[in-house]
Amino acid sequence: MKQKNGLMAIILSGAIVLSGCSSMSQATKGGLIGSGAGAAIGAGVGALIGKNAKSAAIGAGIGTAVGATTGVIIGKKMDKARAQAAAIEGARVDSIRDANNLKALKVTFDSGILFELNKSTLSESAKAALTKFSKILVDNPTMDIAIMGHTDNTGKPELNQKLSQDRAQAVADFLKSKNVLSSQFKEIIGKSFSEPVADNATKAGQAANRRVEVYMYASEKMIKDAEAK
């Protein structure tokens, strides 16, 4: 009960702070949440939004709190990339927070869009979508990337693990072939069926769980470049 009350206090405090700044742009509000001063608010919101363990794990290790102005600059870059990615057929884009409490993106491609059943060879439509997606990454060479492959829980666990890894690698290899820098890729991991987003007891849930996620987040260089402005 104390934990719930504490969380509610954080959320209400955040609402008061942001509602009192009606003239602020959305990017500026995002910058405040990304700053050290807004860390408590960001933590409260993060506990409710997504409940995504990976969003807390991604992020460049910089060792210091990120200022509000830096958060605004990075937030604008992420907003632009989000709009571009959302225009790609078959891509679903979610805003998340990284380990530095900065705005980051999770782009999800359902495996039915990318691959045939139980295969890791990219379809022609997948190549077309990823070609468009690669241009966003090429235009943002200081964005770090993590790729996670996921399966449903059907079949043998060892085969699911390999399939999820092969699919994540196939996406990474294709993006690299389109001039995305190898240095941008920080993780390429097969997660098997360990992180479902839906109920594997249903066909619809299994379909949702078969997916590849691409995380886009600020690198140490992007943060330092923003701090220098």
Protein backbone atom coordinates (compact mmCIF):
# COMPACT_ATOMS: atom_id res chain seq x y z
CA MET A 1 0.00 0.00 0.00
CA LYS A 2 2.84 2.40 0.85
CA GLN A 3 4.46 1.66 -2.50
CA LYS A 4 1.20 2.43 -4.33
CA ASN A 5 0.74 5.64 -2.39
CA GLY A 6 4.30 6.68 -3.15
CA LEU A 7 3.85 6.01 -6.84
CA MET A 8 0.60 7.97 -6.88
CA ALA A 9 2.35 10.90 -5.22
CA ILE A 10 5.03 10.85 -7.89
CA ILE A 11 2.44 10.77 -10.67
CA LEU A 12 0.38 13.57 -9.14
CA SER A 13 3.51 15.64 -8.68
CA GLY A 14 4.38 15.12 -12.32
CA ALA A 15 0.88 16.09 -13.39
CA ILE A 16 1.06 19.29 -11.33
CA VAL A 17 4.46 20.22 -12.75
CA LEU A 18 3.49 19.61 -16.36
CA SER A 19 -0.04 21.01 -16.14
CA GLY A 20 1.44 24.19 -14.72
CA CYS A 21 3.52 24.57 -17.88
CA SER A 22 0.75 24.76 -20.46
CA SER A 23 2.85 26.96 -22.72
CA MET A 24 5.58 24.35 -23.03
CA SER A 25 5.98 22.35 -26.20
CA GLN A 26 5.75 18.56 -25.99
CA ALA A 27 9.48 18.33 -26.67
CA THR A 28 10.26 20.64 -23.75
CA LYS A 29 8.06 18.61 -21.42
CA GLY A 30 9.88 15.51 -22.60
CA GLY A 31 13.17 17.21 -21.87
CA LEU A 32 12.11 17.95 -18.31
CA ILE A 33 11.18 14.34 -17.77
CA GLY A 34 14.54 13.34 -19.25
CA SER A 35 16.49 15.62 -16.91
CA GLY A 36 17.84 14.81 -13.49
CA ALA A 37 15.22 17.11 -11.98
CA GLY A 38 12.46 15.05 -13.56
CA ALA A 39 13.92 11.64 -12.77
CA ALA A 40 11.37 10.86 -10.05
CA ILE A 41 8.50 11.73 -12.38
CA GLY A 42 10.06 9.70 -15.17
CA ALA A 43 10.49 6.72 -12.89
CA GLY A 44 6.84 6.86 -11.88
CA VAL A 45 5.62 7.12 -15.44
CA GLY A 46 8.04 4.41 -16.53
CA ALA A 47 6.57 2.06 -13.95
CA LEU A 48 3.21 2.37 -15.67
CA ILE A 49 4.11 2.71 -19.33
CA GLY A 50 5.05 -0.46 -21.14
CA LYS A 51 6.47 -2.31 -18.14
CA ASN A 52 9.27 -3.11 -20.58
CA ALA A 53 12.40 -4.37 -18.84
CA LYS A 54 14.40 -3.81 -22.00
CA SER A 55 13.60 -0.11 -22.12
CA ALA A 56 15.33 0.29 -18.78
CA ALA A 57 18.36 -1.67 -19.96
CA ILE A 58 19.10 0.13 -23.23
CA GLY A 59 21.08 3.33 -23.14
CA ALA A 60 24.67 4.51 -23.34
CA GLY A 61 26.62 4.43 -20.09
CA ILE A 62 27.53 8.08 -19.42
CA GLY A 63 27.73 8.06 -15.62
CA THR A 64 26.09 11.44 -15.09
CA ALA A 65 22.57 12.87 -15.14
CA VAL A 66 21.39 14.25 -18.46
CA GLY A 67 20.21 17.87 -18.42
CA ALA A 68 16.82 19.12 -19.55
CA THR A 69 18.14 20.94 -22.63
CA THR A 70 19.93 17.80 -23.79
CA GLY A 71 16.72 15.85 -23.28
CA VAL A 72 14.82 18.32 -25.45
CA ILE A 73 17.35 18.11 -28.30
CA ILE A 74 17.39 14.32 -28.28
CA GLY A 75 13.61 14.20 -27.89
CA LYS A 76 13.19 16.20 -31.10
CA LYS A 77 15.48 13.83 -32.99
CA MET A 78 13.52 10.84 -31.72
CA ASP A 79 10.20 12.48 -32.60
CA LYS A 80 11.36 12.98 -36.18
CA ALA A 81 12.63 9.41 -36.45
CA ARG A 82 9.38 8.11 -34.97
CA ALA A 83 7.28 9.90 -37.58
CA GLN A 84 9.47 8.54 -40.36
CA ALA A 85 9.37 4.96 -39.04
CA ALA A 86 5.61 5.08 -38.47
CA ALA A 87 5.14 5.82 -42.17
CA ILE A 88 6.69 2.46 -43.12
CA GLU A 89 4.16 -0.25 -43.86
CA GLY A 90 4.32 -3.06 -41.33
CA ALA A 91 6.19 -1.08 -38.67
CA ARG A 92 4.71 -0.28 -35.26
CA VAL A 93 6.52 2.42 -33.32
CA ASP A 94 6.41 3.00 -29.55
CA SER A 95 8.14 5.72 -27.54
CA ILE A 96 9.99 4.38 -24.51
CA ARG A 97 12.61 5.64 -22.03
CA ASP A 98 16.20 4.42 -21.97
CA ALA A 99 18.49 3.94 -18.98
CA ASN A 100 19.28 7.67 -19.04
CA ASN A 101 15.55 8.47 -18.98
CA LEU A 102 15.84 9.89 -22.50
CA LYS A 103 13.25 9.33 -25.17
CA ALA A 104 13.98 6.23 -27.26
CA LEU A 105 12.04 4.18 -29.81
CA LYS A 106 10.94 0.58 -30.15
CA VAL A 107 10.05 -0.38 -33.72
CA THR A 108 8.27 -3.72 -34.00
CA PHE A 109 8.02 -5.78 -37.18
CA ASP A 110 5.71 -8.81 -36.96
CA SER A 111 7.48 -11.92 -38.22
CA GLY A 112 4.58 -12.54 -40.60
CA ILE A 113 5.63 -9.38 -42.39
CA LEU A 114 9.32 -10.26 -42.43
CA PHE A 115 9.56 -14.05 -42.67
CA GLU A 116 7.78 -17.15 -43.82
CA LEU A 117 6.72 -19.57 -41.08
CA ASN A 118 9.70 -21.13 -39.28
CA LYS A 119 12.18 -19.43 -41.62
CA SER A 120 14.70 -16.63 -41.19
CA THR A 121 15.02 -15.55 -44.83
CA LEU A 122 13.66 -12.06 -45.38
CA SER A 123 10.70 -11.73 -47.74
CA GLU A 124 10.80 -9.24 -50.60
CA SER A 125 8.23 -7.03 -48.87
CA ALA A 126 10.39 -7.13 -45.73
CA LYS A 127 13.41 -5.99 -47.72
CA ALA A 128 11.40 -3.09 -49.12
CA ALA A 129 10.28 -2.04 -45.62
CA LEU A 130 13.75 -2.42 -44.13
CA THR A 131 15.30 -0.45 -46.99
CA LYS A 132 13.11 2.50 -46.02
CA PHE A 133 13.90 1.94 -42.36
CA SER A 134 17.65 1.83 -43.04
CA LYS A 135 17.54 5.37 -44.42
CA ILE A 136 16.39 6.64 -41.02
CA LEU A 137 19.32 4.93 -39.33
CA VAL A 138 21.81 6.15 -41.94
CA ASP A 139 20.57 9.70 -41.38
CA ASN A 140 21.10 9.24 -37.63
CA PRO A 141 24.56 7.70 -37.30
CA THR A 142 24.79 8.59 -33.60
CA MET A 143 21.72 6.52 -32.70
CA ASP A 144 22.54 3.18 -31.12
CA ILE A 145 20.56 0.11 -32.14
CA ALA A 146 19.55 -3.10 -30.39
CA ILE A 147 17.70 -5.87 -32.26
CA MET A 148 15.66 -8.54 -30.49
CA GLY A 149 14.12 -11.57 -32.19
CA HIS A 150 11.12 -13.28 -30.55
CA THR A 151 9.05 -16.41 -31.17
CA ASP A 152 5.89 -17.96 -29.77
CA ASN A 153 6.11 -20.95 -27.42
CA THR A 154 5.30 -23.65 -29.96
CA GLY A 155 7.99 -26.09 -31.05
CA LYS A 156 11.21 -27.14 -29.36
CA PRO A 157 12.86 -24.49 -27.17
CA GLU A 158 16.30 -24.95 -28.75
CA LEU A 159 14.83 -24.45 -32.23
CA ASN A 160 12.94 -21.36 -31.10
CA GLN A 161 16.13 -19.92 -29.66
CA LYS A 162 18.04 -20.43 -32.90
CA LEU A 163 15.17 -19.12 -35.02
CA SER A 164 14.84 -15.96 -32.94
CA GLN A 165 18.59 -15.35 -33.13
CA ASP A 166 18.72 -16.01 -36.87
CA ARG A 167 15.85 -13.61 -37.51
CA ALA A 168 17.42 -10.84 -35.45
CA GLN A 169 20.71 -11.39 -37.29
CA ALA A 170 18.98 -11.40 -40.69
CA VAL A 171 17.49 -7.98 -39.98
CA ALA A 172 20.83 -6.64 -38.75
CA ASP A 173 22.74 -7.99 -41.74
CA PHE A 174 20.27 -6.49 -44.19
CA LEU A 175 20.42 -3.08 -42.50
CA LYS A 176 24.22 -3.20 -42.60
CA SER A 177 24.05 -4.01 -46.32
CA LYS A 178 22.14 -0.74 -46.71
CA ASN A 179 25.02 1.26 -45.19
CA VAL A 180 23.88 1.36 -41.57
CA LEU A 181 27.11 1.55 -39.56
CA SER A 182 28.18 -1.65 -37.83
CA SER A 183 29.22 0.45 -34.83
CA GLN A 184 25.58 1.41 -34.24
CA PHE A 185 24.55 -2.17 -33.43
CA LYS A 186 25.04 -2.75 -29.72
CA GLU A 187 22.97 -5.93 -29.31
CA ILE A 188 21.63 -8.57 -31.70
CA ILE A 189 19.85 -11.13 -29.55
CA GLY A 190 17.41 -14.01 -29.95
CA LYS A 191 14.98 -14.02 -27.03
CA SER A 192 13.06 -17.17 -28.03
CA PHE A 193 9.65 -17.00 -26.29
CA SER A 194 10.95 -15.54 -23.02
CA GLU A 195 9.32 -12.10 -23.46
CA PRO A 196 5.78 -12.56 -24.81
CA VAL A 197 3.60 -9.52 -25.44
CA ALA A 198 0.40 -11.56 -25.70
CA ASP A 199 -1.12 -14.82 -24.48
CA ASN A 200 0.53 -17.81 -26.15
CA ALA A 201 -2.63 -19.84 -25.43
CA THR A 202 -4.33 -18.26 -28.47
CA LYS A 203 -3.40 -18.19 -32.15
CA ALA A 204 -3.69 -14.40 -32.17
CA GLY A 205 -1.39 -14.18 -29.17
CA GLN A 206 1.16 -16.48 -30.76
CA ALA A 207 1.13 -14.36 -33.92
CA ALA A 208 1.77 -11.21 -31.87
CA ASN A 209 4.65 -12.87 -30.05
CA ARG A 210 6.42 -13.77 -33.32
CA ARG A 211 8.20 -10.49 -33.95
CA VAL A 212 11.47 -8.60 -34.34
CA GLU A 213 12.01 -5.44 -32.30
CA VAL A 214 14.50 -2.73 -33.17
CA TYR A 215 15.39 -0.31 -30.37
CA MET A 216 16.76 3.11 -31.32
CA TYR A 217 18.35 5.19 -28.57
CA ALA A 218 20.89 7.94 -27.97
CA SER A 219 24.53 6.94 -28.07
CA GLU A 220 27.15 8.52 -25.84
CA LYS A 221 28.21 10.69 -28.79
CA MET A 222 24.64 11.89 -29.44
CA ILE A 223 24.34 12.87 -25.78
CA LYS A 224 27.69 14.71 -25.79
CA ASP A 225 26.82 16.47 -29.06
CA ALA A 226 23.52 17.63 -27.58
CA GLU A 227 25.23 18.80 -24.38
CA ALA A 228 27.68 20.87 -26.45
CA LYS A 229 24.90 22.89 -28.11
